[in-house]
Amino acid sequence: MNAAGAIDRIAASHAGEARRFAGGPAWASRRRHALESLVARGLPERRDENWKYLDHARVAAFDFGVAPRAAVEPRALAAARLPLADVRPVVLVDGRFDPASSASAAVDGLQIEDLGALLARDPEAALALLRVPAEDADDRYALLADAFADGGVVIRVDAGTALAKPLHVVHVATAARPAAHHARVVVEIGAGAKLMLIEEFVSLGAEAAFGNLAAEITLGASAEVEHLRLHRHNAASAQVETWVARQGAGSRYRQHLVALGGRVLRSNLRLALEGEAAECRLAGLFMAAGDRQVDIHTQVEHRAARTRTVQDYRGIATDRGRGALNGRIVVHPAARGADASQTIRNLLLAPLAEINARPQLEIHVDDVRCRHGATTGTLDPAQLFYLRSRGLDERASRSLLTFAFCQDVLAGIPLAVFRDFAATRIAGILPDGELLRGAP
């Protein structure tokens, strides 16, 4: 299936769904413009620099028909999601906010709003709220989400508010049949506010669902956000996400990404450090087993003085798994005193496994401290020999060393339940993983 065929099916799906979308004439015009831009330019392809490693034919083969509205049985949802007790759940089912499964926002300093309801009630407010995607290749899937804009959630934390409980945003794909779902998520963090945001992607069924997320987060001056992200779709599904982040002066944003499921994942993050002394720390870990593909792209823009970036990503591929870690840091002329660090480490566990790493720096001012590095290799034979000499067989030795490779990223996750769950899932993927369960 080629990209042109996918565009034809997207247009046909849109024609069949357009009448039921909320928002009146204003939103009908915006959706039509987004679709026309997408049809004219097409989905990203290998010739687009930041998309050269993704298997676009595999993505194009998915069904782009929109998933119908579905109810989720509470016990099924509880069994599928992370076992977090003291959180405020925010549940999206096939891209649409599910108030029955979500906590009320009846707490000072927090607002949670159904974006689908806002589209129906106040289309102009929704127009002003949602970012208009650009037409470059990196925003094409956001254009796709704009064309099918139907639901999602808006989360606001008032200035000076420190939420005692984390927010747990659960993206649920019912996956009862092959279908697509599109979601918009807007997170606004006021000046001086603090939030832990846990984001999780799960599947209830086994069919090949295509998920498309367009999301944005804004941090006011001195705001702090810990963002924990866990991808664990079913083995047939695909997820494409476009996150756009903006940070004010003195703000702190820390993202921890763990990608362990699905057949295809393309994660795209564009982050702008717009205020002086803003700081972001990005860490990620993925495992590509079987014929799974994971493609992670980040672009961080230093636009103000004394801004700081620290990135640490690790990828593991085995069998015929494929991965890509593509990170770009741009230091603009106004970003004097910027400090940027980018580290990418990859581990190949099979002859046909493949990971491509592209750390990039673009610097437009002299008074900066910037560095990057990337490594891709196999397990150290000397370390394998040491473990074998201590009585472990080869499979167990390989699993132990692979698990240790993950630990630097896992150890930085601030929530123990999340960290332990991810470690258990990783142990379950590795040969002789039962030997690793309970490892620190």
Protein backbone atom coordinates (compact mmCIF):
# COMPACT_ATOMS: atom_id res chain seq x y z
CA MET A 1 0.00 0.00 0.00
CA ASN A 2 1.51 3.37 -1.02
CA ALA A 3 1.09 6.82 0.52
CA ALA A 4 -1.16 8.03 -2.32
CA GLY A 5 -3.57 5.19 -1.64
CA ALA A 6 -3.60 6.10 2.04
CA ILE A 7 -4.48 9.72 1.21
CA ASP A 8 -7.38 8.54 -0.98
CA ARG A 9 -8.72 6.40 1.86
CA ILE A 10 -8.30 9.26 4.34
CA ALA A 11 -10.27 11.59 2.05
CA ALA A 12 -13.00 8.97 1.62
CA SER A 13 -13.24 8.43 5.37
CA HIS A 14 -13.46 12.18 5.95
CA ALA A 15 -16.28 12.52 3.43
CA GLY A 16 -18.22 9.83 5.25
CA GLU A 17 -17.67 11.34 8.71
CA ALA A 18 -17.79 15.11 8.07
CA ARG A 19 -21.52 15.52 8.71
CA ARG A 20 -21.38 14.22 12.25
CA PHE A 21 -18.46 16.40 13.39
CA ALA A 22 -19.39 19.18 15.82
CA GLY A 23 -18.32 22.82 15.56
CA GLY A 24 -20.56 24.29 12.88
CA PRO A 25 -19.36 26.17 9.78
CA ALA A 26 -16.18 27.55 11.35
CA TRP A 27 -14.85 24.12 12.21
CA ALA A 28 -16.09 22.62 8.95
CA SER A 29 -13.95 25.21 7.15
CA ARG A 30 -10.91 24.49 9.32
CA ARG A 31 -11.22 20.72 8.85
CA ARG A 32 -11.64 21.17 5.11
CA HIS A 33 -8.53 23.36 4.93
CA ALA A 34 -6.52 20.79 6.90
CA LEU A 35 -7.67 17.97 4.64
CA GLU A 36 -6.94 19.95 1.46
CA SER A 37 -3.43 20.76 2.72
CA LEU A 38 -2.86 17.10 3.53
CA VAL A 39 -4.14 15.90 0.16
CA ALA A 40 -1.98 18.46 -1.66
CA ARG A 41 1.22 17.63 0.23
CA GLY A 42 0.68 14.01 1.24
CA LEU A 43 1.83 12.14 4.30
CA PRO A 44 5.55 12.26 5.13
CA GLU A 45 7.82 10.05 3.03
CA ARG A 46 11.38 8.77 3.16
CA ARG A 47 12.59 11.80 1.20
CA ASP A 48 11.51 14.01 4.12
CA GLU A 49 14.66 14.35 6.22
CA ASN A 50 13.15 13.59 9.63
CA TRP A 51 11.12 10.64 8.33
CA LYS A 52 13.71 8.71 6.33
CA TYR A 53 13.79 5.66 8.62
CA LEU A 54 10.06 5.01 9.05
CA ASP A 55 8.38 2.23 7.08
CA HIS A 56 5.73 4.42 5.46
CA ALA A 57 4.21 1.57 3.47
CA ARG A 58 3.49 -0.22 6.74
CA VAL A 59 1.75 2.88 8.15
CA ALA A 60 -0.19 3.43 4.92
CA ALA A 61 -1.57 -0.12 5.10
CA PHE A 62 -3.62 0.65 8.23
CA ASP A 63 -7.36 1.24 8.08
CA PHE A 64 -8.13 4.99 8.29
CA GLY A 65 -11.85 4.57 8.84
CA VAL A 66 -12.82 6.31 12.08
CA ALA A 67 -13.54 4.10 15.07
CA PRO A 68 -17.19 4.36 16.20
CA ARG A 69 -18.02 5.58 19.69
CA ALA A 70 -17.71 2.77 22.18
CA ALA A 71 -18.27 2.29 25.89
CA VAL A 72 -15.56 0.73 28.02
CA GLU A 73 -16.38 -1.79 30.70
CA PRO A 74 -14.80 -0.53 33.97
CA ARG A 75 -13.27 -3.88 34.89
CA ALA A 76 -11.65 -4.23 31.48
CA LEU A 77 -10.17 -0.75 31.79
CA ALA A 78 -8.93 -1.41 35.33
CA ALA A 79 -7.24 -4.62 34.18
CA ALA A 80 -5.55 -2.91 31.21
CA ARG A 81 -4.14 0.25 32.75
CA LEU A 82 -1.32 0.84 35.21
CA PRO A 83 -2.21 -0.16 38.79
CA LEU A 84 -2.04 3.38 40.18
CA ALA A 85 -4.10 4.01 43.30
CA ASP A 86 -3.75 7.67 44.28
CA VAL A 87 -4.20 9.48 40.96
CA ARG A 88 -6.84 11.45 39.06
CA PRO A 89 -7.70 9.45 35.91
CA VAL A 90 -8.41 11.21 32.61
CA VAL A 91 -9.57 8.61 30.08
CA LEU A 92 -9.78 8.98 26.29
CA VAL A 93 -11.54 6.13 24.49
CA ASP A 94 -10.64 6.01 20.79
CA GLY A 95 -9.59 9.64 21.04
CA ARG A 96 -12.72 10.92 22.82
CA PHE A 97 -12.97 12.02 26.44
CA ASP A 98 -14.83 9.50 28.60
CA PRO A 99 -16.35 11.31 31.61
CA ALA A 100 -17.68 8.08 33.12
CA SER A 101 -14.14 6.71 33.53
CA SER A 102 -12.50 10.02 34.42
CA ALA A 103 -12.25 11.88 37.70
CA SER A 104 -14.16 15.10 38.13
CA ALA A 105 -12.10 18.27 38.20
CA ALA A 106 -13.65 19.32 41.50
CA VAL A 107 -10.38 20.51 43.00
CA ASP A 108 -9.04 24.02 43.42
CA GLY A 109 -6.64 25.04 40.70
CA LEU A 110 -7.46 22.24 38.23
CA GLN A 111 -9.81 22.23 35.24
CA ILE A 112 -10.45 19.21 33.03
CA GLU A 113 -12.64 19.90 30.01
CA ASP A 114 -14.09 17.61 27.36
CA LEU A 115 -12.81 19.02 24.08
CA GLY A 116 -15.62 17.37 22.11
CA ALA A 117 -18.19 19.13 24.31
CA LEU A 118 -16.35 22.44 23.86
CA LEU A 119 -16.44 22.00 20.08
CA ALA A 120 -20.22 21.60 20.25
CA ARG A 121 -20.85 24.33 22.85
CA ASP A 122 -18.38 27.06 21.88
CA PRO A 123 -16.70 26.44 18.51
CA GLU A 124 -14.97 29.83 18.53
CA ALA A 125 -13.30 29.10 21.88
CA ALA A 126 -12.06 25.79 20.51
CA LEU A 127 -10.73 27.53 17.41
CA ALA A 128 -8.74 29.95 19.55
CA LEU A 129 -7.49 27.20 21.84
CA LEU A 130 -6.17 24.61 19.40
CA ARG A 131 -2.91 25.24 17.59
CA VAL A 132 -3.16 25.37 13.81
CA PRO A 133 -0.69 22.82 12.47
CA ALA A 134 1.94 23.92 9.99
CA GLU A 135 2.23 22.34 6.56
CA ASP A 136 5.78 20.99 6.87
CA ALA A 137 6.36 17.25 6.96
CA ASP A 138 6.75 17.11 10.75
CA ASP A 139 3.22 18.48 11.23
CA ARG A 140 1.36 16.42 8.61
CA TYR A 141 -0.09 13.97 11.12
CA ALA A 142 -1.19 16.93 13.25
CA LEU A 143 -2.95 18.20 10.11
CA LEU A 144 -4.61 14.79 9.89
CA ALA A 145 -5.80 15.15 13.50
CA ASP A 146 -7.07 18.65 12.69
CA ALA A 147 -9.04 17.34 9.70
CA PHE A 148 -10.77 14.79 11.95
CA ALA A 149 -10.92 16.98 15.09
CA ASP A 150 -13.71 15.45 17.11
CA GLY A 151 -12.60 15.06 20.69
CA GLY A 152 -9.91 15.10 23.29
CA VAL A 153 -9.27 16.90 26.53
CA VAL A 154 -8.11 20.26 27.86
CA ILE A 155 -6.23 20.27 31.17
CA ARG A 156 -5.46 23.52 32.99
CA VAL A 157 -3.53 23.97 36.21
CA ASP A 158 -3.83 27.44 37.71
CA ALA A 159 -0.82 29.55 38.61
CA GLY A 160 0.77 28.64 41.93
CA THR A 161 -1.11 25.33 42.23
CA ALA A 162 0.85 22.25 43.32
CA LEU A 163 -1.41 19.27 42.67
CA ALA A 164 -1.07 16.63 45.37
CA LYS A 165 -2.24 13.79 43.10
CA PRO A 166 -0.79 13.00 39.67
CA LEU A 167 -3.03 13.14 36.60
CA HIS A 168 -3.21 9.79 34.80
CA VAL A 169 -4.16 10.27 31.15
CA VAL A 170 -5.09 6.90 29.64
CA HIS A 171 -5.40 6.62 25.84
CA VAL A 172 -7.57 3.55 25.26
CA ALA A 173 -7.87 1.95 21.83
CA THR A 174 -10.83 -0.40 21.91
CA ALA A 175 -9.27 -2.21 18.90
CA ALA A 176 -12.42 -4.26 18.37
CA ARG A 177 -11.93 -3.91 14.62
CA PRO A 178 -9.39 -2.22 12.33
CA ALA A 179 -10.03 1.53 12.59
CA ALA A 180 -8.38 4.89 13.27
CA HIS A 181 -8.80 7.35 16.09
CA HIS A 182 -7.56 10.92 16.40
CA ALA A 183 -7.18 12.88 19.63
CA ARG A 184 -6.26 16.42 20.64
CA VAL A 185 -4.78 17.08 24.06
CA VAL A 186 -4.04 20.56 25.44
CA VAL A 187 -2.21 21.01 28.75
CA GLU A 188 -1.73 24.50 30.20
CA ILE A 189 0.40 24.86 33.34
CA GLY A 190 0.23 28.25 35.04
CA ALA A 191 3.19 30.17 36.45
CA GLY A 192 4.70 28.44 39.47
CA ALA A 193 2.37 25.43 39.23
CA LYS A 194 3.57 21.85 39.73
CA LEU A 195 2.20 18.69 38.16
CA MET A 196 3.03 15.04 37.66
CA LEU A 197 1.42 13.91 34.40
CA ILE A 198 1.29 10.17 33.69
CA GLU A 199 0.34 9.24 30.14
CA GLU A 200 -0.39 5.67 29.08
CA PHE A 201 -1.43 4.04 25.79
CA VAL A 202 -3.26 0.70 25.98
CA SER A 203 -5.36 -1.59 23.77
CA LEU A 204 -8.39 -3.55 24.92
CA GLY A 205 -8.78 -5.62 21.75
CA ALA A 206 -6.32 -7.32 19.42
CA GLU A 207 -7.18 -5.66 16.09
CA ALA A 208 -4.90 -3.28 14.17
CA ALA A 209 -5.92 0.16 15.41
CA PHE A 210 -4.23 3.31 14.11
CA GLY A 211 -3.87 6.04 16.74
CA ASN A 212 -3.00 9.65 15.92
CA LEU A 213 -2.38 12.17 18.71
CA ALA A 214 -1.80 15.92 18.32
CA ALA A 215 -0.93 17.41 21.70
CA GLU A 216 0.52 20.55 23.17
CA ILE A 217 1.78 21.58 26.58
CA THR A 218 2.62 25.08 27.80
CA LEU A 219 4.55 25.81 30.99
CA GLY A 220 4.34 29.25 32.54
CA ALA A 221 7.23 30.93 34.34
CA SER A 222 8.78 28.71 37.05
CA ALA A 223 6.26 25.90 36.43
CA GLU A 224 7.41 22.31 36.95
CA VAL A 225 6.13 19.19 35.17
CA GLU A 226 7.16 15.54 35.48
CA HIS A 227 5.78 13.76 32.40
CA LEU A 228 5.83 9.95 32.51
CA ARG A 229 4.84 8.22 29.26
CA LEU A 230 4.22 4.51 28.64
CA HIS A 231 3.37 2.99 25.24
CA ARG A 232 2.10 -0.59 25.39
CA HIS A 233 -0.41 -1.10 22.58
CA ASN A 234 -1.27 -4.50 21.22
CA ALA A 235 1.16 -6.13 18.81
CA ALA A 236 -0.85 -5.18 15.69
CA SER A 237 -1.43 -1.45 16.32
CA ALA A 238 0.29 1.77 15.30
CA GLN A 239 0.60 5.11 17.06
CA VAL A 240 1.78 8.43 15.66
CA GLU A 241 2.07 11.38 18.02
CA THR A 242 2.98 15.03 17.61
CA TRP A 243 3.78 16.80 20.87
CA VAL A 244 4.53 20.54 20.86
CA ALA A 245 5.88 22.05 24.09
CA ARG A 246 6.65 25.64 25.10
CA GLN A 247 8.43 26.70 28.28
CA GLY A 248 8.48 30.02 30.07
CA ALA A 249 11.29 31.54 32.11
CA GLY A 250 12.68 29.33 34.86
CA SER A 251 10.33 26.44 34.07
CA ARG A 252 11.32 22.79 34.43
CA TYR A 253 10.00 20.02 32.17
CA ARG A 254 11.11 16.41 32.57
CA GLN A 255 9.85 13.67 30.26
CA HIS A 256 10.38 9.94 30.77
CA LEU A 257 9.32 7.85 27.75
CA VAL A 258 9.10 4.06 27.82
CA ALA A 259 7.94 2.39 24.58
CA LEU A 260 7.26 -1.34 24.88
CA GLY A 261 4.28 -2.18 22.66
CA GLY A 262 2.62 -1.84 19.29
CA ARG A 263 3.79 -2.69 15.78
CA VAL A 264 4.69 0.88 14.79
CA LEU A 265 5.41 3.93 16.91
CA ARG A 266 6.41 7.34 15.62
CA SER A 267 6.94 9.81 18.48
CA ASN A 268 7.56 13.41 17.52
CA LEU A 269 8.41 16.09 20.12
CA ARG A 270 9.11 19.73 19.32
CA LEU A 271 10.03 21.77 22.36
CA ALA A 272 10.85 25.48 22.61
CA LEU A 273 12.71 26.94 25.60
CA GLU A 274 11.30 30.44 25.23
CA GLY A 275 12.07 31.93 28.64
CA GLU A 276 15.42 32.64 30.30
CA ALA A 277 16.82 29.77 32.41
CA ALA A 278 14.14 27.30 31.25
CA GLU A 279 15.26 23.68 31.49
CA CYS A 280 14.17 20.38 30.01
CA ARG A 281 15.36 16.85 30.66
CA LEU A 282 14.29 14.17 28.19
CA ALA A 283 14.89 10.48 28.74
CA GLY A 284 13.59 7.56 26.73
CA LEU A 285 13.83 3.81 26.34
CA PHE A 286 12.37 1.57 23.65
CA MET A 287 12.45 -2.13 22.80
CA ALA A 288 11.85 -3.28 19.22
CA ALA A 289 11.29 -7.03 19.13
CA GLY A 290 9.78 -9.21 16.40
CA ASP A 291 9.18 -6.95 13.41
CA ARG A 292 8.29 -3.91 15.54
CA GLN A 293 9.41 -0.43 14.49
CA VAL A 294 10.01 2.54 16.78
CA ASP A 295 10.95 5.98 15.41
CA ILE A 296 11.61 8.78 17.92
CA HIS A 297 12.29 12.33 16.79
CA THR A 298 12.97 15.32 19.04
CA GLN A 299 13.71 18.92 18.22
CA VAL A 300 14.62 21.31 21.03
CA GLU A 301 14.93 25.04 20.35
CA HIS A 302 16.95 27.19 22.74
CA ARG A 303 15.47 30.65 22.25
CA ALA A 304 16.52 32.43 25.45
CA ALA A 305 19.62 32.93 27.57
CA ARG A 306 20.88 30.35 30.08
CA THR A 307 18.51 27.62 28.91
CA ARG A 308 19.45 23.99 29.46
CA THR A 309 18.72 20.64 27.81
CA VAL A 310 19.76 17.17 28.92
CA GLN A 311 18.74 14.20 26.75
CA ASP A 312 19.43 10.50 27.33
CA TYR A 313 17.80 7.96 25.00
CA ARG A 314 18.39 4.23 24.76
CA GLY A 315 17.13 1.75 22.19
CA ILE A 316 17.16 -2.04 22.05
CA ALA A 317 16.39 -4.08 18.93
CA THR A 318 16.22 -7.82 18.49
CA ASP A 319 14.83 -10.28 15.93
CA ARG A 320 13.93 -8.07 12.93
CA GLY A 321 13.10 -5.05 15.05
CA ARG A 322 13.97 -1.60 13.74
CA GLY A 323 14.46 1.67 15.57
CA ALA A 324 15.51 5.25 14.98
CA LEU A 325 16.54 7.96 17.43
CA ASN A 326 16.75 11.32 15.69
CA GLY A 327 17.45 14.32 17.91
CA ARG A 328 18.11 17.91 16.88
CA ILE A 329 19.07 20.81 19.15
CA VAL A 330 18.98 24.35 17.78
CA VAL A 331 20.65 27.16 19.74
CA HIS A 332 19.43 30.55 18.52
CA PRO A 333 21.44 33.82 18.68
CA ALA A 334 19.52 35.01 21.76
CA ALA A 335 20.43 31.85 23.74
CA ARG A 336 23.74 32.99 25.22
CA GLY A 337 24.95 30.73 28.00
CA ALA A 338 22.87 27.78 26.78
CA ASP A 339 23.88 24.30 27.94
CA ALA A 340 22.83 21.33 25.81
CA SER A 341 23.73 17.66 26.16
CA GLN A 342 22.48 14.80 24.01
CA THR A 343 23.31 11.11 24.49
CA ILE A 344 21.99 8.19 22.42
CA ARG A 345 22.94 4.58 23.16
CA ASN A 346 21.66 1.59 21.22
CA LEU A 347 21.94 -2.16 21.69
CA LEU A 348 21.51 -4.72 18.90
CA LEU A 349 20.71 -8.26 20.00
CA ALA A 350 20.28 -10.01 16.63
CA PRO A 351 22.01 -9.91 13.22
CA LEU A 352 18.93 -8.53 11.42
CA ALA A 353 18.07 -5.90 14.06
CA GLU A 354 18.67 -2.29 13.10
CA ILE A 355 18.78 1.08 14.90
CA ASN A 356 19.69 4.40 13.30
CA ALA A 357 20.93 7.26 15.51
CA ARG A 358 21.23 10.90 14.41
CA PRO A 359 22.24 13.38 17.12
CA GLN A 360 22.39 16.90 15.67
CA LEU A 361 23.48 20.32 16.93
CA GLU A 362 22.80 23.61 15.16
CA ILE A 363 24.46 26.50 17.00
CA HIS A 364 24.11 30.20 16.13
CA VAL A 365 25.97 31.82 19.05
CA ASP A 366 29.45 31.35 20.53
CA ASP A 367 28.81 31.58 24.27
CA VAL A 368 27.35 28.10 24.76
CA ARG A 369 28.25 24.65 26.06
CA CYS A 370 26.94 21.92 23.75
CA ARG A 371 27.87 18.28 23.28
CA HIS A 372 26.39 15.12 21.83
CA GLY A 373 27.26 11.50 21.25
CA ALA A 374 25.82 8.25 19.96
CA THR A 375 26.84 4.60 20.18
CA THR A 376 25.35 1.46 18.63
CA GLY A 377 26.74 -1.97 19.37
CA THR A 378 26.24 -5.45 20.78
CA LEU A 379 26.69 -6.87 24.25
CA ASP A 380 30.25 -6.76 25.58
CA PRO A 381 31.87 -10.22 25.15
CA ALA A 382 34.06 -9.63 28.20
CA GLN A 383 31.05 -8.98 30.40
CA LEU A 384 29.28 -12.04 28.97
CA PHE A 385 32.36 -14.13 29.73
CA TYR A 386 32.46 -12.82 33.30
CA LEU A 387 28.82 -13.77 33.96
CA ARG A 388 29.29 -17.17 32.30
CA SER A 389 32.30 -17.78 34.53
CA ARG A 390 30.08 -17.14 37.55
CA GLY A 391 27.71 -19.93 36.58
CA LEU A 392 25.04 -18.22 34.45
CA ASP A 393 24.18 -19.72 31.08
CA GLU A 394 24.41 -17.58 27.94
CA ARG A 395 20.70 -16.72 27.71
CA ALA A 396 20.53 -15.57 31.31
CA SER A 397 23.78 -13.61 30.94
CA ARG A 398 22.49 -11.80 27.89
CA SER A 399 19.21 -10.96 29.58
CA LEU A 400 20.96 -9.65 32.69
CA LEU A 401 23.26 -7.38 30.68
CA THR A 402 20.36 -6.12 28.55
CA PHE A 403 18.32 -5.37 31.65
CA ALA A 404 21.29 -3.50 33.15
CA PHE A 405 21.46 -1.42 29.95
CA CYS A 406 17.90 -0.23 30.67
CA GLN A 407 18.51 0.63 34.29
CA ASP A 408 20.03 4.10 33.86
CA VAL A 409 16.82 5.32 32.22
CA LEU A 410 14.48 3.37 34.50
CA ALA A 411 16.27 4.58 37.63
CA GLY A 412 15.48 8.18 36.73
CA ILE A 413 11.71 7.62 36.74
CA PRO A 414 10.42 9.29 39.92
CA LEU A 415 7.31 7.12 40.47
CA ALA A 416 8.12 3.69 41.90
CA VAL A 417 4.94 1.95 40.65
CA PHE A 418 5.55 3.16 37.10
CA ARG A 419 9.24 2.26 37.27
CA ASP A 420 8.62 -1.21 38.67
CA PHE A 421 5.85 -1.93 36.15
CA ALA A 422 8.12 -0.98 33.24
CA ALA A 423 10.95 -3.12 34.65
CA THR A 424 8.61 -6.11 34.98
CA ARG A 425 7.39 -5.68 31.40
CA ILE A 426 10.96 -5.53 30.13
CA ALA A 427 11.89 -8.64 32.10
CA GLY A 428 8.90 -10.40 30.53
CA ILE A 429 10.19 -9.64 27.03
CA LEU A 430 13.73 -10.90 27.62
CA PRO A 431 14.74 -14.58 27.56
CA ASP A 432 14.89 -16.04 31.06
CA GLY A 433 13.28 -12.83 32.25
CA GLU A 434 11.96 -14.54 35.38
CA LEU A 435 15.52 -14.36 36.72
CA LEU A 436 15.31 -10.55 36.57
CA ARG A 437 12.01 -9.99 38.31
CA GLY A 438 12.54 -8.14 41.49
CA ALA A 439 15.91 -6.83 40.33
CA PRO A 440 16.61 -3.32 41.65
